[in-house]
Protein backbone atom coordinates (compact mmCIF):
# COMPACT_ATOMS: atom_id res chain seq x y z
CA MET A 1 9.46 -13.52 -3.06
CA ARG A 2 9.22 -16.48 -5.38
CA ASP A 3 6.15 -15.45 -7.37
CA ASN A 4 3.36 -12.87 -7.49
CA GLY A 5 0.72 -15.15 -6.02
CA HIS A 6 1.92 -15.36 -2.41
CA PRO A 7 2.68 -11.87 -1.04
CA TYR A 8 2.88 -13.01 2.58
CA ASN A 9 5.96 -15.11 1.80
CA LEU A 10 8.01 -11.92 1.47
CA GLU A 11 10.50 -11.65 4.35
CA GLN A 12 9.39 -8.27 5.77
CA SER A 13 12.52 -7.78 7.91
CA THR A 14 14.71 -7.42 4.81
CA THR A 15 12.66 -5.01 2.71
CA LEU A 16 14.06 -1.68 1.57
CA GLN A 17 11.41 0.33 3.42
CA ARG A 18 12.27 -1.42 6.69
CA GLN A 19 15.99 -0.76 6.23
CA LEU A 20 15.30 2.92 5.46
CA ARG A 21 13.06 3.32 8.52
CA GLN A 22 15.73 1.73 10.73
CA GLY A 23 18.15 4.29 9.30
CA GLY A 24 15.90 7.16 10.39
CA TYR A 25 14.15 7.88 7.10
CA ARG A 26 10.40 8.35 6.71
CA THR A 27 8.87 6.00 4.17
CA GLY A 28 5.71 6.15 2.08
CA LEU A 29 3.85 4.03 -0.43
CA PHE A 30 1.45 5.48 -2.95
CA GLY A 31 -0.07 3.11 -5.48
CA LYS A 32 -0.09 -0.68 -5.56
CA TYR A 33 1.70 -2.78 -2.93
CA LEU A 34 1.79 -6.50 -3.80
CA ASN A 35 -0.45 -8.76 -5.87
CA SER A 36 -3.04 -10.49 -3.66
CA TRP A 37 -2.21 -8.30 -0.63
CA THR A 38 -5.22 -7.93 1.68
CA LEU A 39 -6.10 -4.25 1.99
CA SER A 40 -7.14 -4.62 5.63
CA ASP A 41 -3.47 -5.42 6.41
CA ASN A 42 -1.35 -2.28 6.49
CA PRO A 43 1.68 -2.48 4.19
CA PRO A 44 4.53 -3.08 6.68
CA GLY A 45 7.44 -0.70 7.02
CA PHE A 46 5.74 2.46 5.75
CA ASP A 47 4.98 5.61 7.74
CA SER A 48 2.36 6.75 5.22
CA TRP A 49 0.48 4.98 2.48
CA LEU A 50 -2.31 5.37 -0.01
CA VAL A 51 -2.92 1.98 -1.61
CA LEU A 52 -5.02 1.29 -4.70
CA LYS A 53 -7.84 -1.18 -4.26
CA PRO A 54 -7.71 -3.85 -6.96
CA THR A 55 -10.12 -3.38 -9.86
CA PHE A 56 -10.27 -4.55 -13.42
CA THR A 57 -9.98 -1.03 -14.82
CA THR A 58 -8.06 2.02 -13.69
CA ALA A 59 -11.06 4.20 -14.54
CA SER A 60 -12.86 2.97 -11.41
CA THR A 61 -9.94 2.71 -8.99
CA THR A 62 -10.56 3.44 -5.31
CA THR A 63 -7.93 3.94 -2.65
CA THR A 64 -7.49 3.33 1.04
CA ALA A 65 -5.48 5.50 3.43
CA PRO A 66 -4.01 4.87 6.92
CA SER A 67 -7.24 6.26 8.39
CA GLY A 68 -9.07 3.36 6.72
CA ARG A 69 -11.29 5.74 4.76
CA SER A 70 -11.76 5.30 1.05
CA ALA A 71 -10.74 8.23 -1.09
CA GLY A 72 -13.32 7.75 -3.83
CA THR A 73 -14.03 5.98 -7.04
CA ARG A 74 -12.83 8.56 -9.55
CA PRO A 75 -9.23 9.06 -10.69
CA THR A 76 -9.48 12.68 -9.52
CA SER A 77 -10.55 11.75 -5.98
CA CYS A 78 -8.01 12.18 -3.19
CA ALA A 79 -7.74 11.00 0.39
CA THR A 80 -7.35 13.31 3.34
CA GLY A 81 -5.27 12.69 6.44
CA PRO A 82 -6.49 11.00 9.62
């Protein structure tokens, strides 16, 4: 990764989550993945994830889960499993 503007330049085969999964660990991501990452692309190397959709304010943050469903637009909203 050379800068925050090109997330797809990250070599996915050398990330910590990939190394942990290869070692038999379960991995999860909850929050933000990378700047400019397209939400329709699953964050690679994670068994579970709940990724924040980009907004200009945290008061109106929505999330997306592996099921593809949005969790809601309020900070107190939560996503359910598939």
